[in-house]
Amino acid sequence: MAHPEFRCTVRLQYLPEQSQDGHHAFAYTIHITNSGDIAAQLIARHWVITDASGHVEEVRGLAVVGKQPLLAPGQSFEYTSWTRIPTAQGTMRGTFFCMTEQAHPFEVEVPEFMLAQPQQLH
């Protein structure tokens, strides 16, 4: 039986030039690899962004940066997006909704990662 699986890694960058008016901007680069044994497509995303005061914002939508990549086993896709929060620190976690070529849905969890300026991560 086919085993669909995507693995994700995250790189974060603080964006000082976009951080103004009490908001802090962060770019995140997501690297997705099809580590399963069947081709599959990323269809949609769901992000949960929590600032340091506990305010939660959820973002849902089709595609990532306008793309719905179809990845064969071993193939990778990388994209960069960004978010702004009203506190200097926060967290973000997400889920990608994917579909195999045989139309079997599966989800990929993106583990929670910190949104913080580099000096705050120590």
PDB file of N, CA and C in Angstrom:
ATOM      1  N   MET A   1       0.844  -1.189   0.000  1.00  0.00           N
ATOM      2  CA  MET A   1       0.000   0.000   0.000  1.00  0.00           C
ATOM      3  C   MET A   1       0.885   1.247   0.000  1.00  0.00           C
ATOM      4  N   ALA A   2       0.477   2.242  -0.722  1.00  0.00           N
ATOM      5  CA  ALA A   2       1.240   3.491  -0.838  1.00  0.00           C
ATOM      6  C   ALA A   2       1.300   4.215   0.506  1.00  0.00           C
ATOM      7  N   HIS A   3       2.413   4.889   0.715  1.00  0.00           N
ATOM      8  CA  HIS A   3       2.616   5.629   1.957  1.00  0.00           C
ATOM      9  C   HIS A   3       2.930   7.097   1.630  1.00  0.00           C
ATOM     10  N   PRO A   4       1.906   7.977   1.648  1.00  0.00           N
ATOM     11  CA  PRO A   4       2.169   9.386   1.376  1.00  0.00           C
ATOM     12  C   PRO A   4       2.783  10.068   2.605  1.00  0.00           C
ATOM     13  N   GLU A   5       3.813  10.874   2.378  1.00  0.00           N
ATOM     14  CA  GLU A   5       4.439  11.580   3.502  1.00  0.00           C
ATOM     15  C   GLU A   5       5.254  12.754   2.967  1.00  0.00           C
ATOM     16  N   PHE A   6       5.035  13.921   3.555  1.00  0.00           N
ATOM     17  CA  PHE A   6       5.855  15.103   3.289  1.00  0.00           C
ATOM     18  C   PHE A   6       6.563  15.463   4.589  1.00  0.00           C
ATOM     19  N   ARG A   7       7.814  15.877   4.488  1.00  0.00           N
ATOM     20  CA  ARG A   7       8.564  16.393   5.638  1.00  0.00           C
ATOM     21  C   ARG A   7       8.845  17.864   5.397  1.00  0.00           C
ATOM     22  N   CYS A   8       8.756  18.656   6.473  1.00  0.00           N
ATOM     23  CA  CYS A   8       8.936  20.106   6.363  1.00  0.00           C
ATOM     24  C   CYS A   8      10.004  20.596   7.329  1.00  0.00           C
ATOM     25  N   THR A   9      10.798  21.555   6.860  1.00  0.00           N
ATOM     26  CA  THR A   9      11.701  22.288   7.740  1.00  0.00           C
ATOM     27  C   THR A   9      11.415  23.774   7.559  1.00  0.00           C
ATOM     28  N   VAL A  10      11.754  24.553   8.591  1.00  0.00           N
ATOM     29  CA  VAL A  10      11.450  25.985   8.601  1.00  0.00           C
ATOM     30  C   VAL A  10      12.711  26.772   8.923  1.00  0.00           C
ATOM     31  N   ARG A  11      12.945  27.844   8.161  1.00  0.00           N
ATOM     32  CA  ARG A  11      13.979  28.833   8.478  1.00  0.00           C
ATOM     33  C   ARG A  11      13.272  30.163   8.691  1.00  0.00           C
ATOM     34  N   LEU A  12      13.689  30.889   9.715  1.00  0.00           N
ATOM     35  CA  LEU A  12      13.041  32.143  10.075  1.00  0.00           C
ATOM     36  C   LEU A  12      14.011  33.299   9.921  1.00  0.00           C
ATOM     37  N   GLN A  13      13.488  34.446   9.502  1.00  0.00           N
ATOM     38  CA  GLN A  13      14.296  35.655   9.404  1.00  0.00           C
ATOM     39  C   GLN A  13      13.470  36.830   9.884  1.00  0.00           C
ATOM     40  N   TYR A  14      14.032  37.608  10.808  1.00  0.00           N
ATOM     41  CA  TYR A  14      13.379  38.844  11.255  1.00  0.00           C
ATOM     42  C   TYR A  14      13.543  39.892  10.166  1.00  0.00           C
ATOM     43  N   LEU A  15      12.504  40.671   9.924  1.00  0.00           N
ATOM     44  CA  LEU A  15      12.531  41.697   8.876  1.00  0.00           C
ATOM     45  C   LEU A  15      12.466  43.090   9.497  1.00  0.00           C
ATOM     46  N   PRO A  16      13.618  43.647   9.891  1.00  0.00           N
ATOM     47  CA  PRO A  16      13.596  44.954  10.561  1.00  0.00           C
ATOM     48  C   PRO A  16      12.997  46.061   9.694  1.00  0.00           C
ATOM     49  N   GLU A  17      13.222  46.006   8.372  1.00  0.00           N
ATOM     50  CA  GLU A  17      12.710  47.060   7.496  1.00  0.00           C
ATOM     51  C   GLU A  17      11.190  47.020   7.357  1.00  0.00           C
ATOM     52  N   GLN A  18      10.566  45.881   7.651  1.00  0.00           N
ATOM     53  CA  GLN A  18       9.104  45.745   7.603  1.00  0.00           C
ATOM     54  C   GLN A  18       8.471  45.887   8.988  1.00  0.00           C
ATOM     55  N   SER A  19       9.314  45.986  10.012  1.00  0.00           N
ATOM     56  CA  SER A  19       8.828  46.058  11.395  1.00  0.00           C
ATOM     57  C   SER A  19       8.738  47.518  11.814  1.00  0.00           C
ATOM     58  N   GLN A  20       7.499  47.991  11.890  1.00  0.00           N
ATOM     59  CA  GLN A  20       7.275  49.381  12.248  1.00  0.00           C
ATOM     60  C   GLN A  20       5.896  49.530  12.872  1.00  0.00           C
ATOM     61  N   ASP A  21       5.669  50.691  13.436  1.00  0.00           N
ATOM     62  CA  ASP A  21       4.371  50.994  14.058  1.00  0.00           C
ATOM     63  C   ASP A  21       3.971  49.943  15.092  1.00  0.00           C
ATOM     64  N   GLY A  22       4.948  49.435  15.850  1.00  0.00           N
ATOM     65  CA  GLY A  22       4.657  48.474  16.897  1.00  0.00           C
ATOM     66  C   GLY A  22       4.412  47.060  16.414  1.00  0.00           C
ATOM     67  N   HIS A  23       4.627  46.793  15.150  1.00  0.00           N
ATOM     68  CA  HIS A  23       4.468  45.445  14.622  1.00  0.00           C
ATOM     69  C   HIS A  23       5.831  44.880  14.243  1.00  0.00           C
ATOM     70  N   HIS A  24       5.967  43.577  14.379  1.00  0.00           N
ATOM     71  CA  HIS A  24       7.223  42.889  14.101  1.00  0.00           C
ATOM     72  C   HIS A  24       6.985  41.912  12.968  1.00  0.00           C
ATOM     73  N   ALA A  25       7.828  42.013  11.930  1.00  0.00           N
ATOM     74  CA  ALA A  25       7.650  41.203  10.734  1.00  0.00           C
ATOM     75  C   ALA A  25       8.700  40.094  10.674  1.00  0.00           C
ATOM     76  N   PHE A  26       8.259  38.939  10.216  1.00  0.00           N
ATOM     77  CA  PHE A  26       9.118  37.764  10.113  1.00  0.00           C
ATOM     78  C   PHE A  26       8.878  37.072   8.780  1.00  0.00           C
ATOM     79  N   ALA A  27       9.961  36.717   8.098  1.00  0.00           N
ATOM     80  CA  ALA A  27       9.864  35.880   6.908  1.00  0.00           C
ATOM     81  C   ALA A  27      10.135  34.446   7.345  1.00  0.00           C
ATOM     82  N   TYR A  28       9.390  33.530   6.782  1.00  0.00           N
ATOM     83  CA  TYR A  28       9.636  32.107   7.065  1.00  0.00           C
ATOM     84  C   TYR A  28       9.754  31.369   5.738  1.00  0.00           C
ATOM     85  N   THR A  29      10.771  30.549   5.660  1.00  0.00           N
ATOM     86  CA  THR A  29      11.004  29.745   4.469  1.00  0.00           C
ATOM     87  C   THR A  29      10.700  28.296   4.810  1.00  0.00           C
ATOM     88  N   ILE A  30       9.787  27.709   4.071  1.00  0.00           N
ATOM     89  CA  ILE A  30       9.362  26.330   4.298  1.00  0.00           C
ATOM     90  C   ILE A  30       9.961  25.459   3.193  1.00  0.00           C
ATOM     91  N   HIS A  31      10.660  24.424   3.598  1.00  0.00           N
ATOM     92  CA  HIS A  31      11.229  23.453   2.658  1.00  0.00           C
ATOM     93  C   HIS A  31      10.444  22.154   2.839  1.00  0.00           C
ATOM     94  N   ILE A  32       9.786  21.711   1.781  1.00  0.00           N
ATOM     95  CA  ILE A  32       8.921  20.524   1.817  1.00  0.00           C
ATOM     96  C   ILE A  32       9.541  19.446   0.928  1.00  0.00           C
ATOM     97  N   THR A  33       9.708  18.258   1.473  1.00  0.00           N
ATOM     98  CA  THR A  33      10.226  17.128   0.702  1.00  0.00           C
ATOM     99  C   THR A  33       9.221  15.989   0.745  1.00  0.00           C
ATOM    100  N   ASN A  34       8.960  15.398  -0.406  1.00  0.00           N
ATOM    101  CA  ASN A  34       8.111  14.212  -0.457  1.00  0.00           C
ATOM    102  C   ASN A  34       8.971  13.028  -0.021  1.00  0.00           C
ATOM    103  N   SER A  35       8.801  12.615   1.226  1.00  0.00           N
ATOM    104  CA  SER A  35       9.561  11.489   1.780  1.00  0.00           C
ATOM    105  C   SER A  35       8.768  10.188   1.721  1.00  0.00           C
ATOM    106  N   GLY A  36       7.630  10.229   1.068  1.00  0.00           N
ATOM    107  CA  GLY A  36       6.811   9.031   0.912  1.00  0.00           C
ATOM    108  C   GLY A  36       7.179   8.274  -0.353  1.00  0.00           C
ATOM    109  N   ASP A  37       6.327   7.335  -0.727  1.00  0.00           N
ATOM    110  CA  ASP A  37       6.609   6.507  -1.893  1.00  0.00           C
ATOM    111  C   ASP A  37       5.583   6.687  -3.008  1.00  0.00           C
ATOM    112  N   ILE A  38       4.869   7.841  -2.970  1.00  0.00           N
ATOM    113  CA  ILE A  38       3.845   8.115  -3.981  1.00  0.00           C
ATOM    114  C   ILE A  38       3.823   9.624  -4.229  1.00  0.00           C
ATOM    115  N   ALA A  39       3.560  10.022  -5.466  1.00  0.00           N
ATOM    116  CA  ALA A  39       3.446  11.437  -5.796  1.00  0.00           C
ATOM    117  C   ALA A  39       2.231  12.032  -5.092  1.00  0.00           C
ATOM    118  N   ALA A  40       2.372  13.281  -4.666  1.00  0.00           N
ATOM    119  CA  ALA A  40       1.272  13.947  -3.979  1.00  0.00           C
ATOM    120  C   ALA A  40       1.380  15.451  -4.192  1.00  0.00           C
ATOM    121  N   GLN A  41       0.248  16.118  -3.994  1.00  0.00           N
ATOM    122  CA  GLN A  41       0.167  17.548  -4.240  1.00  0.00           C
ATOM    123  C   GLN A  41      -0.248  18.289  -2.986  1.00  0.00           C
ATOM    124  N   LEU A  42       0.406  19.411  -2.743  1.00  0.00           N
ATOM    125  CA  LEU A  42       0.007  20.306  -1.660  1.00  0.00           C
ATOM    126  C   LEU A  42      -1.159  21.146  -2.179  1.00  0.00           C
ATOM    127  N   ILE A  43      -2.270  21.098  -1.476  1.00  0.00           N
ATOM    128  CA  ILE A  43      -3.492  21.756  -1.940  1.00  0.00           C
ATOM    129  C   ILE A  43      -3.784  23.047  -1.168  1.00  0.00           C
ATOM    130  N   ALA A  44      -3.664  23.002   0.152  1.00  0.00           N
ATOM    131  CA  ALA A  44      -4.071  24.144   0.974  1.00  0.00           C
ATOM    132  C   ALA A  44      -3.240  24.187   2.252  1.00  0.00           C
ATOM    133  N   ARG A  45      -3.368  25.327   2.973  1.00  0.00           N
ATOM    134  CA  ARG A  45      -2.630  25.500   4.213  1.00  0.00           C
ATOM    135  C   ARG A  45      -3.532  26.081   5.287  1.00  0.00           C
ATOM    136  N   HIS A  46      -3.114  25.843   6.534  1.00  0.00           N
ATOM    137  CA  HIS A  46      -3.774  26.412   7.716  1.00  0.00           C
ATOM    138  C   HIS A  46      -2.676  26.781   8.695  1.00  0.00           C
ATOM    139  N   TRP A  47      -2.535  28.063   9.006  1.00  0.00           N
ATOM    140  CA  TRP A  47      -1.539  28.542   9.964  1.00  0.00           C
ATOM    141  C   TRP A  47      -2.229  29.060  11.206  1.00  0.00           C
ATOM    142  N   VAL A  48      -1.613  28.797  12.356  1.00  0.00           N
ATOM    143  CA  VAL A  48      -2.060  29.348  13.633  1.00  0.00           C
ATOM    144  C   VAL A  48      -0.914  30.195  14.164  1.00  0.00           C
ATOM    145  N   ILE A  49      -1.137  31.502  14.253  1.00  0.00           N
ATOM    146  CA  ILE A  49      -0.112  32.456  14.662  1.00  0.00           C
ATOM    147  C   ILE A  49      -0.542  33.038  16.002  1.00  0.00           C
ATOM    148  N   THR A  50       0.320  32.896  17.004  1.00  0.00           N
ATOM    149  CA  THR A  50      -0.001  33.354  18.356  1.00  0.00           C
ATOM    150  C   THR A  50       1.051  34.374  18.792  1.00  0.00           C
ATOM    151  N   ASP A  51       0.607  35.559  19.212  1.00  0.00           N
ATOM    152  CA  ASP A  51       1.571  36.547  19.688  1.00  0.00           C
ATOM    153  C   ASP A  51       1.808  36.364  21.188  1.00  0.00           C
ATOM    154  N   ALA A  52       2.736  37.145  21.743  1.00  0.00           N
ATOM    155  CA  ALA A  52       3.130  36.974  23.146  1.00  0.00           C
ATOM    156  C   ALA A  52       2.007  37.298  24.127  1.00  0.00           C
ATOM    157  N   SER A  53       1.013  38.059  23.702  1.00  0.00           N
ATOM    158  CA  SER A  53      -0.111  38.371  24.591  1.00  0.00           C
ATOM    159  C   SER A  53      -1.205  37.312  24.525  1.00  0.00           C
ATOM    160  N   GLY A  54      -1.010  36.275  23.691  1.00  0.00           N
ATOM    161  CA  GLY A  54      -1.978  35.191  23.603  1.00  0.00           C
ATOM    162  C   GLY A  54      -3.002  35.346  22.501  1.00  0.00           C
ATOM    163  N   HIS A  55      -2.946  36.459  21.762  1.00  0.00           N
ATOM    164  CA  HIS A  55      -3.873  36.652  20.636  1.00  0.00           C
ATOM    165  C   HIS A  55      -3.547  35.641  19.534  1.00  0.00           C
ATOM    166  N   VAL A  56      -4.573  34.964  19.034  1.00  0.00           N
ATOM    167  CA  VAL A  56      -4.397  33.928  18.006  1.00  0.00           C
ATOM    168  C   VAL A  56      -5.036  34.393  16.706  1.00  0.00           C
ATOM    169  N   GLU A  57      -4.283  34.259  15.632  1.00  0.00           N
ATOM    170  CA  GLU A  57      -4.811  34.526  14.299  1.00  0.00           C
ATOM    171  C   GLU A  57      -4.666  33.258  13.474  1.00  0.00           C
ATOM    172  N   GLU A  58      -5.733  32.891  12.773  1.00  0.00           N
ATOM    173  CA  GLU A  58      -5.688  31.709  11.913  1.00  0.00           C
ATOM    174  C   GLU A  58      -5.772  32.153  10.461  1.00  0.00           C
ATOM    175  N   VAL A  59      -4.927  31.549   9.636  1.00  0.00           N
ATOM    176  CA  VAL A  59      -4.894  31.858   8.214  1.00  0.00           C
ATOM    177  C   VAL A  59      -5.114  30.558   7.452  1.00  0.00           C
ATOM    178  N   ARG A  60      -6.134  30.545   6.615  1.00  0.00           N
ATOM    179  CA  ARG A  60      -6.442  29.368   5.802  1.00  0.00           C
ATOM    180  C   ARG A  60      -6.511  29.793   4.349  1.00  0.00           C
ATOM    181  N   GLY A  61      -6.122  28.897   3.459  1.00  0.00           N
ATOM    182  CA  GLY A  61      -6.259  29.227   2.054  1.00  0.00           C
ATOM    183  C   GLY A  61      -5.742  28.127   1.162  1.00  0.00           C
ATOM    184  N   LEU A  62      -6.140  28.234  -0.093  1.00  0.00           N
ATOM    185  CA  LEU A  62      -5.651  27.308  -1.102  1.00  0.00           C
ATOM    186  C   LEU A  62      -4.228  27.684  -1.465  1.00  0.00           C
ATOM    187  N   ALA A  63      -3.413  26.700  -1.746  1.00  0.00           N
ATOM    188  CA  ALA A  63      -2.061  26.893  -2.262  1.00  0.00           C
ATOM    189  C   ALA A  63      -1.134  27.559  -1.243  1.00  0.00           C
ATOM    190  N   VAL A  64       0.139  27.650  -1.629  1.00  0.00           N
ATOM    191  CA  VAL A  64       1.148  28.413  -0.891  1.00  0.00           C
ATOM    192  C   VAL A  64       1.820  29.313  -1.921  1.00  0.00           C
ATOM    193  N   VAL A  65       1.898  30.578  -1.635  1.00  0.00           N
ATOM    194  CA  VAL A  65       2.406  31.593  -2.568  1.00  0.00           C
ATOM    195  C   VAL A  65       1.882  31.367  -3.993  1.00  0.00           C
ATOM    196  N   GLY A  66       0.597  31.043  -4.101  1.00  0.00           N
ATOM    197  CA  GLY A  66      -0.031  30.871  -5.401  1.00  0.00           C
ATOM    198  C   GLY A  66       0.275  29.572  -6.114  1.00  0.00           C
ATOM    199  N   LYS A  67       0.918  28.637  -5.449  1.00  0.00           N
ATOM    200  CA  LYS A  67       1.299  27.376  -6.086  1.00  0.00           C
ATOM    201  C   LYS A  67       0.734  26.179  -5.319  1.00  0.00           C
ATOM    202  N   GLN A  68       0.449  25.132  -6.069  1.00  0.00           N
ATOM    203  CA  GLN A  68       0.019  23.847  -5.509  1.00  0.00           C
ATOM    204  C   GLN A  68       0.952  22.785  -6.074  1.00  0.00           C
ATOM    205  N   PRO A  69       2.169  22.705  -5.516  1.00  0.00           N
ATOM    206  CA  PRO A  69       3.173  21.823  -6.129  1.00  0.00           C
ATOM    207  C   PRO A  69       2.814  20.342  -6.045  1.00  0.00           C
ATOM    208  N   LEU A  70       3.062  19.645  -7.150  1.00  0.00           N
ATOM    209  CA  LEU A  70       2.937  18.194  -7.219  1.00  0.00           C
ATOM    210  C   LEU A  70       4.346  17.635  -7.105  1.00  0.00           C
ATOM    211  N   LEU A  71       4.602  16.850  -6.060  1.00  0.00           N
ATOM    212  CA  LEU A  71       5.945  16.342  -5.783  1.00  0.00           C
ATOM    213  C   LEU A  71       5.996  14.826  -5.920  1.00  0.00           C
ATOM    214  N   ALA A  72       6.891  14.363  -6.769  1.00  0.00           N
ATOM    215  CA  ALA A  72       7.162  12.932  -6.869  1.00  0.00           C
ATOM    216  C   ALA A  72       8.008  12.524  -5.665  1.00  0.00           C
ATOM    217  N   PRO A  73       8.062  11.250  -5.324  1.00  0.00           N
ATOM    218  CA  PRO A  73       8.909  10.825  -4.207  1.00  0.00           C
ATOM    219  C   PRO A  73      10.341  11.358  -4.374  1.00  0.00           C
ATOM    220  N   GLY A  74      10.857  11.956  -3.306  1.00  0.00           N
ATOM    221  CA  GLY A  74      12.202  12.512  -3.320  1.00  0.00           C
ATOM    222  C   GLY A  74      12.287  13.956  -3.770  1.00  0.00           C
ATOM    223  N   GLN A  75      11.248  14.479  -4.410  1.00  0.00           N
ATOM    224  CA  GLN A  75      11.276  15.866  -4.863  1.00  0.00           C
ATOM    225  C   GLN A  75      10.987  16.823  -3.715  1.00  0.00           C
ATOM    226  N   SER A  76      11.486  18.058  -3.867  1.00  0.00           N
ATOM    227  CA  SER A  76      11.296  19.090  -2.852  1.00  0.00           C
ATOM    228  C   SER A  76      10.732  20.359  -3.461  1.00  0.00           C
ATOM    229  N   PHE A  77      10.151  21.175  -2.609  1.00  0.00           N
ATOM    230  CA  PHE A  77       9.626  22.486  -2.985  1.00  0.00           C
ATOM    231  C   PHE A  77       9.922  23.417  -1.820  1.00  0.00           C
ATOM    232  N   GLU A  78      10.322  24.637  -2.140  1.00  0.00           N
ATOM    233  CA  GLU A  78      10.619  25.606  -1.087  1.00  0.00           C
ATOM    234  C   GLU A  78       9.947  26.923  -1.431  1.00  0.00           C
ATOM    235  N   TYR A  79       9.397  27.581  -0.409  1.00  0.00           N
ATOM    236  CA  TYR A  79       8.800  28.897  -0.619  1.00  0.00           C
ATOM    237  C   TYR A  79       9.037  29.761   0.606  1.00  0.00           C
ATOM    238  N   THR A  80       8.956  31.061   0.386  1.00  0.00           N
ATOM    239  CA  THR A  80       9.105  32.024   1.476  1.00  0.00           C
ATOM    240  C   THR A  80       7.872  32.909   1.521  1.00  0.00           C
ATOM    241  N   SER A  81       7.372  33.121   2.720  1.00  0.00           N
ATOM    242  CA  SER A  81       6.263  34.034   2.947  1.00  0.00           C
ATOM    243  C   SER A  81       6.592  34.829   4.201  1.00  0.00           C
ATOM    244  N   TRP A  82       5.648  35.615   4.682  1.00  0.00           N
ATOM    245  CA  TRP A  82       5.938  36.397   5.879  1.00  0.00           C
ATOM    246  C   TRP A  82       4.671  36.686   6.653  1.00  0.00           C
ATOM    247  N   THR A  83       4.868  37.136   7.904  1.00  0.00           N
ATOM    248  CA  THR A  83       3.761  37.497   8.772  1.00  0.00           C
ATOM    249  C   THR A  83       4.198  38.644   9.668  1.00  0.00           C
ATOM    250  N   ARG A  84       3.231  39.357  10.209  1.00  0.00           N
ATOM    251  CA  ARG A  84       3.510  40.427  11.186  1.00  0.00           C
ATOM    252  C   ARG A  84       2.671  40.190  12.427  1.00  0.00           C
ATOM    253  N   ILE A  85       3.287  40.434  13.592  1.00  0.00           N
ATOM    254  CA  ILE A  85       2.570  40.315  14.857  1.00  0.00           C
ATOM    255  C   ILE A  85       2.826  41.576  15.684  1.00  0.00           C
ATOM    256  N   PRO A  86       1.928  41.907  16.621  1.00  0.00           N
ATOM    257  CA  PRO A  86       2.077  43.138  17.395  1.00  0.00           C
ATOM    258  C   PRO A  86       2.999  43.007  18.611  1.00  0.00           C
ATOM    259  N   THR A  87       3.640  41.869  18.796  1.00  0.00           N
ATOM    260  CA  THR A  87       4.574  41.689  19.910  1.00  0.00           C
ATOM    261  C   THR A  87       5.923  41.244  19.341  1.00  0.00           C
ATOM    262  N   ALA A  88       6.978  41.397  20.131  1.00  0.00           N
ATOM    263  CA  ALA A  88       8.328  41.067  19.661  1.00  0.00           C
ATOM    264  C   ALA A  88       8.549  39.560  19.534  1.00  0.00           C
ATOM    265  N   GLN A  89       7.696  38.776  20.183  1.00  0.00           N
ATOM    266  CA  GLN A  89       7.821  37.324  20.111  1.00  0.00           C
ATOM    267  C   GLN A  89       6.449  36.699  19.884  1.00  0.00           C
ATOM    268  N   GLY A  90       6.474  35.478  19.376  1.00  0.00           N
ATOM    269  CA  GLY A  90       5.250  34.730  19.164  1.00  0.00           C
ATOM    270  C   GLY A  90       5.594  33.341  18.674  1.00  0.00           C
ATOM    271  N   THR A  91       4.570  32.610  18.280  1.00  0.00           N
ATOM    272  CA  THR A  91       4.775  31.271  17.727  1.00  0.00           C
ATOM    273  C   THR A  91       3.888  31.097  16.502  1.00  0.00           C
ATOM    274  N   MET A  92       4.265  30.109  15.720  1.00  0.00           N
ATOM    275  CA  MET A  92       3.494  29.787  14.527  1.00  0.00           C
ATOM    276  C   MET A  92       3.554  28.282  14.319  1.00  0.00           C
ATOM    277  N   ARG A  93       2.441  27.703  13.929  1.00  0.00           N
ATOM    278  CA  ARG A  93       2.398  26.286  13.586  1.00  0.00           C
ATOM    279  C   ARG A  93       1.377  26.133  12.472  1.00  0.00           C
ATOM    280  N   GLY A  94       1.453  25.009  11.776  1.00  0.00           N
ATOM    281  CA  GLY A  94       0.545  24.893  10.654  1.00  0.00           C
ATOM    282  C   GLY A  94       0.272  23.479  10.217  1.00  0.00           C
ATOM    283  N   THR A  95      -0.605  23.390   9.237  1.00  0.00           N
ATOM    284  CA  THR A  95      -0.975  22.131   8.616  1.00  0.00           C
ATOM    285  C   THR A  95      -1.098  22.362   7.117  1.00  0.00           C
ATOM    286  N   PHE A  96      -0.517  21.456   6.348  1.00  0.00           N
ATOM    287  CA  PHE A  96      -0.723  21.450   4.906  1.00  0.00           C
ATOM    288  C   PHE A  96      -1.698  20.324   4.582  1.00  0.00           C
ATOM    289  N   PHE A  97      -2.666  20.618   3.745  1.00  0.00           N
ATOM    290  CA  PHE A  97      -3.623  19.620   3.285  1.00  0.00           C
ATOM    291  C   PHE A  97      -3.155  19.165   1.903  1.00  0.00           C
ATOM    292  N   CYS A  98      -2.939  17.877   1.768  1.00  0.00           N
ATOM    293  CA  CYS A  98      -2.343  17.309   0.561  1.00  0.00           C
ATOM    294  C   CYS A  98      -3.234  16.199   0.005  1.00  0.00           C
ATOM    295  N   MET A  99      -2.945  15.831  -1.248  1.00  0.00           N
ATOM    296  CA  MET A  99      -3.728  14.802  -1.921  1.00  0.00           C
ATOM    297  C   MET A  99      -2.785  13.968  -2.787  1.00  0.00           C
ATOM    298  N   THR A 100      -2.917  12.641  -2.698  1.00  0.00           N
ATOM    299  CA  THR A 100      -2.122  11.775  -3.568  1.00  0.00           C
ATOM    300  C   THR A 100      -2.720  11.816  -4.974  1.00  0.00           C
ATOM    301  N   GLU A 101      -1.980  11.269  -5.930  1.00  0.00           N
ATOM    302  CA  GLU A 101      -2.487  11.204  -7.307  1.00  0.00           C
ATOM    303  C   GLU A 101      -3.743  10.348  -7.411  1.00  0.00           C
ATOM    304  N   GLN A 102      -3.930   9.445  -6.442  1.00  0.00           N
ATOM    305  CA  GLN A 102      -5.140   8.603  -6.422  1.00  0.00           C
ATOM    306  C   GLN A 102      -6.261   9.246  -5.602  1.00  0.00           C
ATOM    307  N   ALA A 103      -6.105  10.541  -5.305  1.00  0.00           N
ATOM    308  CA  ALA A 103      -7.121  11.336  -4.591  1.00  0.00           C
ATOM    309  C   ALA A 103      -7.332  10.889  -3.151  1.00  0.00           C
ATOM    310  N   HIS A 104      -6.281  10.410  -2.491  1.00  0.00           N
ATOM    311  CA  HIS A 104      -6.352  10.113  -1.062  1.00  0.00           C
ATOM    312  C   HIS A 104      -5.782  11.305  -0.296  1.00  0.00           C
ATOM    313  N   PRO A 105      -6.605  11.929   0.555  1.00  0.00           N
ATOM    314  CA  PRO A 105      -6.125  13.098   1.284  1.00  0.00           C
ATOM    315  C   PRO A 105      -5.241  12.704   2.471  1.00  0.00           C
ATOM    316  N   PHE A 106      -4.319  13.589   2.807  1.00  0.00           N
ATOM    317  CA  PHE A 106      -3.538  13.436   4.031  1.00  0.00           C
ATOM    318  C   PHE A 106      -3.079  14.819   4.480  1.00  0.00           C
ATOM    319  N   GLU A 107      -2.708  14.919   5.748  1.00  0.00           N
ATOM    320  CA  GLU A 107      -2.276  16.187   6.316  1.00  0.00           C
ATOM    321  C   GLU A 107      -0.819  16.108   6.731  1.00  0.00           C
ATOM    322  N   VAL A 108      -0.150  17.238   6.663  1.00  0.00           N
ATOM    323  CA  VAL A 108       1.248  17.356   7.077  1.00  0.00           C
ATOM    324  C   VAL A 108       1.321  18.440   8.139  1.00  0.00           C
ATOM    325  N   GLU A 109       1.768  18.078   9.328  1.00  0.00           N
ATOM    326  CA  GLU A 109       1.896  19.046  10.412  1.00  0.00           C
ATOM    327  C   GLU A 109       3.221  19.786  10.282  1.00  0.00           C
ATOM    328  N   VAL A 110       3.182  21.103  10.445  1.00  0.00           N
ATOM    329  CA  VAL A 110       4.398  21.906  10.566  1.00  0.00           C
ATOM    330  C   VAL A 110       4.513  22.228  12.054  1.00  0.00           C
ATOM    331  N   PRO A 111       5.504  21.649  12.740  1.00  0.00           N
ATOM    332  CA  PRO A 111       5.618  21.854  14.179  1.00  0.00           C
ATOM    333  C   PRO A 111       5.774  23.336  14.531  1.00  0.00           C
ATOM    334  N   GLU A 112       5.346  23.670  15.711  1.00  0.00           N
ATOM    335  CA  GLU A 112       5.419  25.052  16.180  1.00  0.00           C
ATOM    336  C   GLU A 112       6.857  25.564  16.151  1.00  0.00           C
ATOM    337  N   PHE A 113       7.017  26.806  15.697  1.00  0.00           N
ATOM    338  CA  PHE A 113       8.327  27.453  15.711  1.00  0.00           C
ATOM    339  C   PHE A 113       8.174  28.857  16.263  1.00  0.00           C
ATOM    340  N   MET A 114       9.276  29.369  16.806  1.00  0.00           N
ATOM    341  CA  MET A 114       9.284  30.693  17.445  1.00  0.00           C
ATOM    342  C   MET A 114       9.378  31.798  16.413  1.00  0.00           C
ATOM    343  N   LEU A 115       8.632  32.853  16.657  1.00  0.00           N
ATOM    344  CA  LEU A 115       8.797  34.106  15.937  1.00  0.00           C
ATOM    345  C   LEU A 115       9.476  35.045  16.923  1.00  0.00           C
ATOM    346  N   ALA A 116      10.736  35.363  16.668  1.00  0.00           N
ATOM    347  CA  ALA A 116      11.496  36.225  17.590  1.00  0.00           C
ATOM    348  C   ALA A 116      12.706  36.779  16.852  1.00  0.00           C
ATOM    349  N   GLN A 117      13.136  37.953  17.288  1.00  0.00           N
ATOM    350  CA  GLN A 117      14.370  38.513  16.760  1.00  0.00           C
ATOM    351  C   GLN A 117      15.530  37.610  17.175  1.00  0.00           C
ATOM    352  N   PRO A 118      16.593  37.534  16.373  1.00  0.00           N
ATOM    353  CA  PRO A 118      17.695  36.605  16.665  1.00  0.00           C
ATOM    354  C   PRO A 118      18.245  36.705  18.090  1.00  0.00           C
ATOM    355  N   GLN A 119      18.403  37.898  18.623  1.00  0.00           N
ATOM    356  CA  GLN A 119      18.954  38.038  19.976  1.00  0.00           C
ATOM    357  C   GLN A 119      17.982  37.532  21.042  1.00  0.00           C
ATOM    358  N   GLN A 120      16.702  37.365  20.705  1.00  0.00           N
ATOM    359  CA  GLN A 120      15.719  36.878  21.669  1.00  0.00           C
ATOM    360  C   GLN A 120      15.623  35.355  21.686  1.00  0.00           C
ATOM    361  N   LEU A 121      16.275  34.689  20.767  1.00  0.00           N
ATOM    362  CA  LEU A 121      16.191  33.230  20.687  1.00  0.00           C
ATOM    363  C   LEU A 121      17.164  32.531  21.631  1.00  0.00           C
ATOM    364  N   HIS A 122      18.037  33.273  22.300  1.00  0.00           N
ATOM    365  CA  HIS A 122      19.039  32.655  23.180  1.00  0.00           C
ATOM    366  C   HIS A 122      18.537  32.527  24.586  1.00  0.00           C
TER     367      HIS A 122
END
